[in-house]
Amino acid sequence: MQNEPGSADFAARVHQTFQIHYGARSGELAQRAVELIDVSELAPAGATGREQFSLIFCDPDASAYLPQHIYPVEHETLGRMEIFLVPIGPGPDGMRYQAIFS
């Protein structure tokens, strides 16, 4: 996509797989497949015109842990984007990560 994806772009992809790229192994990034499980509106677009929303991703491996960091995240339709992810702990379905756009 040419423009930064908005909440509607992500909402249309709930329960789809995204790849988080991290670390370096012999010059190549490793990756983890996560599922987008929630998109929540935080506030209407303000004077800046920028949407405020959050995303929750889930890694089915509850023991997996990536520290908070900006990661390249890739989706087959949305493409590759840099997203600041924060681990929010394990849930019943795996390790959860949150991204907030404001």
C-alpha atoms as a PDB file:
ATOM      1  CA  MET A   1       0.000   0.000   0.000  1.00  0.00           C
ATOM      2  CA  GLN A   2       1.171   3.489  -0.722  1.00  0.00           C
ATOM      3  CA  ASN A   3      -0.295   5.202   2.360  1.00  0.00           C
ATOM      4  CA  GLU A   4       0.011   4.115   5.961  1.00  0.00           C
ATOM      5  CA  PRO A   5      -2.770   1.605   6.709  1.00  0.00           C
ATOM      6  CA  GLY A   6      -5.591   2.830   8.930  1.00  0.00           C
ATOM      7  CA  SER A   7      -7.840   1.070  11.417  1.00  0.00           C
ATOM      8  CA  ALA A   8     -10.294  -0.024   8.694  1.00  0.00           C
ATOM      9  CA  ASP A   9      -7.442  -1.635   6.740  1.00  0.00           C
ATOM     10  CA  PHE A  10      -6.445  -3.643   9.807  1.00  0.00           C
ATOM     11  CA  ALA A  11     -10.033  -4.390  10.882  1.00  0.00           C
ATOM     12  CA  ALA A  12     -10.602  -6.084   7.528  1.00  0.00           C
ATOM     13  CA  ARG A  13      -7.700  -8.411   8.380  1.00  0.00           C
ATOM     14  CA  VAL A  14      -8.626  -9.559  11.893  1.00  0.00           C
ATOM     15  CA  HIS A  15      -7.800 -13.278  12.273  1.00  0.00           C
ATOM     16  CA  GLN A  16      -5.253 -13.093   9.470  1.00  0.00           C
ATOM     17  CA  THR A  17      -1.554 -13.849   9.792  1.00  0.00           C
ATOM     18  CA  PHE A  18       1.191 -11.240   9.973  1.00  0.00           C
ATOM     19  CA  GLN A  19       4.941 -11.923  10.107  1.00  0.00           C
ATOM     20  CA  ILE A  20       7.091 -10.172  12.712  1.00  0.00           C
ATOM     21  CA  HIS A  21      10.728 -10.001  11.592  1.00  0.00           C
ATOM     22  CA  TYR A  22      13.338  -9.842  14.347  1.00  0.00           C
ATOM     23  CA  GLY A  23      16.949 -10.571  15.294  1.00  0.00           C
ATOM     24  CA  ALA A  24      19.673 -11.554  12.881  1.00  0.00           C
ATOM     25  CA  ARG A  25      20.897 -14.995  12.019  1.00  0.00           C
ATOM     26  CA  SER A  26      23.803 -14.908   9.630  1.00  0.00           C
ATOM     27  CA  GLY A  27      22.532 -11.617   8.248  1.00  0.00           C
ATOM     28  CA  GLU A  28      18.923 -12.806   7.877  1.00  0.00           C
ATOM     29  CA  LEU A  29      16.034 -11.818  10.092  1.00  0.00           C
ATOM     30  CA  ALA A  30      14.083 -14.547  11.856  1.00  0.00           C
ATOM     31  CA  GLN A  31      10.307 -14.299  11.825  1.00  0.00           C
ATOM     32  CA  ARG A  32       7.308 -15.240  13.917  1.00  0.00           C
ATOM     33  CA  ALA A  33       3.807 -15.732  12.545  1.00  0.00           C
ATOM     34  CA  VAL A  34       1.197 -13.923  14.644  1.00  0.00           C
ATOM     35  CA  GLU A  35      -2.537 -13.478  14.289  1.00  0.00           C
ATOM     36  CA  LEU A  36      -4.199 -10.066  14.431  1.00  0.00           C
ATOM     37  CA  ILE A  37      -6.928 -10.647  17.027  1.00  0.00           C
ATOM     38  CA  ASP A  38      -8.252  -7.163  17.806  1.00  0.00           C
ATOM     39  CA  VAL A  39      -8.505  -3.657  16.364  1.00  0.00           C
ATOM     40  CA  SER A  40      -9.891  -0.996  18.715  1.00  0.00           C
ATOM     41  CA  GLU A  41     -10.657   2.660  18.023  1.00  0.00           C
ATOM     42  CA  LEU A  42      -9.138   4.862  20.738  1.00  0.00           C
ATOM     43  CA  ALA A  43     -10.367   8.293  19.652  1.00  0.00           C
ATOM     44  CA  PRO A  44     -11.645  10.009  16.529  1.00  0.00           C
ATOM     45  CA  ALA A  45      -9.106  11.706  14.305  1.00  0.00           C
ATOM     46  CA  GLY A  46      -8.177  15.007  15.905  1.00  0.00           C
ATOM     47  CA  ALA A  47      -6.805  18.204  14.446  1.00  0.00           C
ATOM     48  CA  THR A  48      -3.932  16.249  12.901  1.00  0.00           C
ATOM     49  CA  GLY A  49      -6.379  14.061  10.997  1.00  0.00           C
ATOM     50  CA  ARG A  50      -4.558  10.982  12.263  1.00  0.00           C
ATOM     51  CA  GLU A  51      -6.608   8.025  13.515  1.00  0.00           C
ATOM     52  CA  GLN A  52      -6.000   6.694  16.998  1.00  0.00           C
ATOM     53  CA  PHE A  53      -6.374   2.939  17.352  1.00  0.00           C
ATOM     54  CA  SER A  54      -4.735  -0.129  18.813  1.00  0.00           C
ATOM     55  CA  LEU A  55      -3.923  -3.558  17.457  1.00  0.00           C
ATOM     56  CA  ILE A  56      -3.496  -6.777  19.417  1.00  0.00           C
ATOM     57  CA  PHE A  57      -1.483  -9.587  17.859  1.00  0.00           C
ATOM     58  CA  CYS A  58      -1.226 -13.092  19.289  1.00  0.00           C
ATOM     59  CA  ASP A  59       1.647 -15.559  18.935  1.00  0.00           C
ATOM     60  CA  PRO A  60       0.264 -19.076  19.564  1.00  0.00           C
ATOM     61  CA  ASP A  61       3.476 -19.939  21.430  1.00  0.00           C
ATOM     62  CA  ALA A  62       2.768 -18.515  24.920  1.00  0.00           C
ATOM     63  CA  SER A  63       6.433 -18.963  25.856  1.00  0.00           C
ATOM     64  CA  ALA A  64       7.576 -16.807  22.929  1.00  0.00           C
ATOM     65  CA  TYR A  65       8.712 -13.369  23.975  1.00  0.00           C
ATOM     66  CA  LEU A  66       9.886 -10.422  21.934  1.00  0.00           C
ATOM     67  CA  PRO A  67      10.834  -7.294  23.918  1.00  0.00           C
ATOM     68  CA  GLN A  68       9.182  -3.968  23.123  1.00  0.00           C
ATOM     69  CA  HIS A  69      10.790  -2.658  19.986  1.00  0.00           C
ATOM     70  CA  ILE A  70      10.056  -1.351  16.501  1.00  0.00           C
ATOM     71  CA  TYR A  71       9.737  -4.422  14.283  1.00  0.00           C
ATOM     72  CA  PRO A  72       9.241  -4.895  10.570  1.00  0.00           C
ATOM     73  CA  VAL A  73       5.778  -6.455  10.309  1.00  0.00           C
ATOM     74  CA  GLU A  74       4.561  -7.914   7.053  1.00  0.00           C
ATOM     75  CA  HIS A  75       1.161  -8.874   5.678  1.00  0.00           C
ATOM     76  CA  GLU A  76       0.485 -10.313   2.235  1.00  0.00           C
ATOM     77  CA  THR A  77      -1.920  -7.487   1.306  1.00  0.00           C
ATOM     78  CA  LEU A  78      -0.824  -4.554   3.471  1.00  0.00           C
ATOM     79  CA  GLY A  79       2.867  -5.121   2.762  1.00  0.00           C
ATOM     80  CA  ARG A  80       5.747  -4.386   5.110  1.00  0.00           C
ATOM     81  CA  MET A  81       5.602  -1.664   7.759  1.00  0.00           C
ATOM     82  CA  GLU A  82       7.546  -0.691  10.865  1.00  0.00           C
ATOM     83  CA  ILE A  83       5.416  -1.094  14.026  1.00  0.00           C
ATOM     84  CA  PHE A  84       6.317  -0.472  17.684  1.00  0.00           C
ATOM     85  CA  LEU A  85       5.152  -3.604  19.515  1.00  0.00           C
ATOM     86  CA  VAL A  86       4.827  -4.000  23.272  1.00  0.00           C
ATOM     87  CA  PRO A  87       4.394  -7.438  24.868  1.00  0.00           C
ATOM     88  CA  ILE A  88       1.300  -7.364  27.085  1.00  0.00           C
ATOM     89  CA  GLY A  89       1.656 -10.910  28.383  1.00  0.00           C
ATOM     90  CA  PRO A  90       0.318 -14.343  27.694  1.00  0.00           C
ATOM     91  CA  GLY A  91      -3.382 -14.863  27.186  1.00  0.00           C
ATOM     92  CA  PRO A  92      -5.402 -18.061  26.871  1.00  0.00           C
ATOM     93  CA  ASP A  93      -4.409 -18.314  23.208  1.00  0.00           C
ATOM     94  CA  GLY A  94      -0.705 -17.340  23.395  1.00  0.00           C
ATOM     95  CA  MET A  95       1.645 -14.378  23.878  1.00  0.00           C
ATOM     96  CA  ARG A  96       0.010 -11.053  23.072  1.00  0.00           C
ATOM     97  CA  TYR A  97       1.551  -7.894  21.652  1.00  0.00           C
ATOM     98  CA  GLN A  98      -0.023  -4.441  21.326  1.00  0.00           C
ATOM     99  CA  ALA A  99       0.616  -1.615  18.900  1.00  0.00           C
ATOM    100  CA  ILE A 100      -0.894   1.829  19.412  1.00  0.00           C
ATOM    101  CA  PHE A 101      -1.298   4.336  16.584  1.00  0.00           C
ATOM    102  CA  SER A 102      -1.892   7.924  17.680  1.00  0.00           C
END
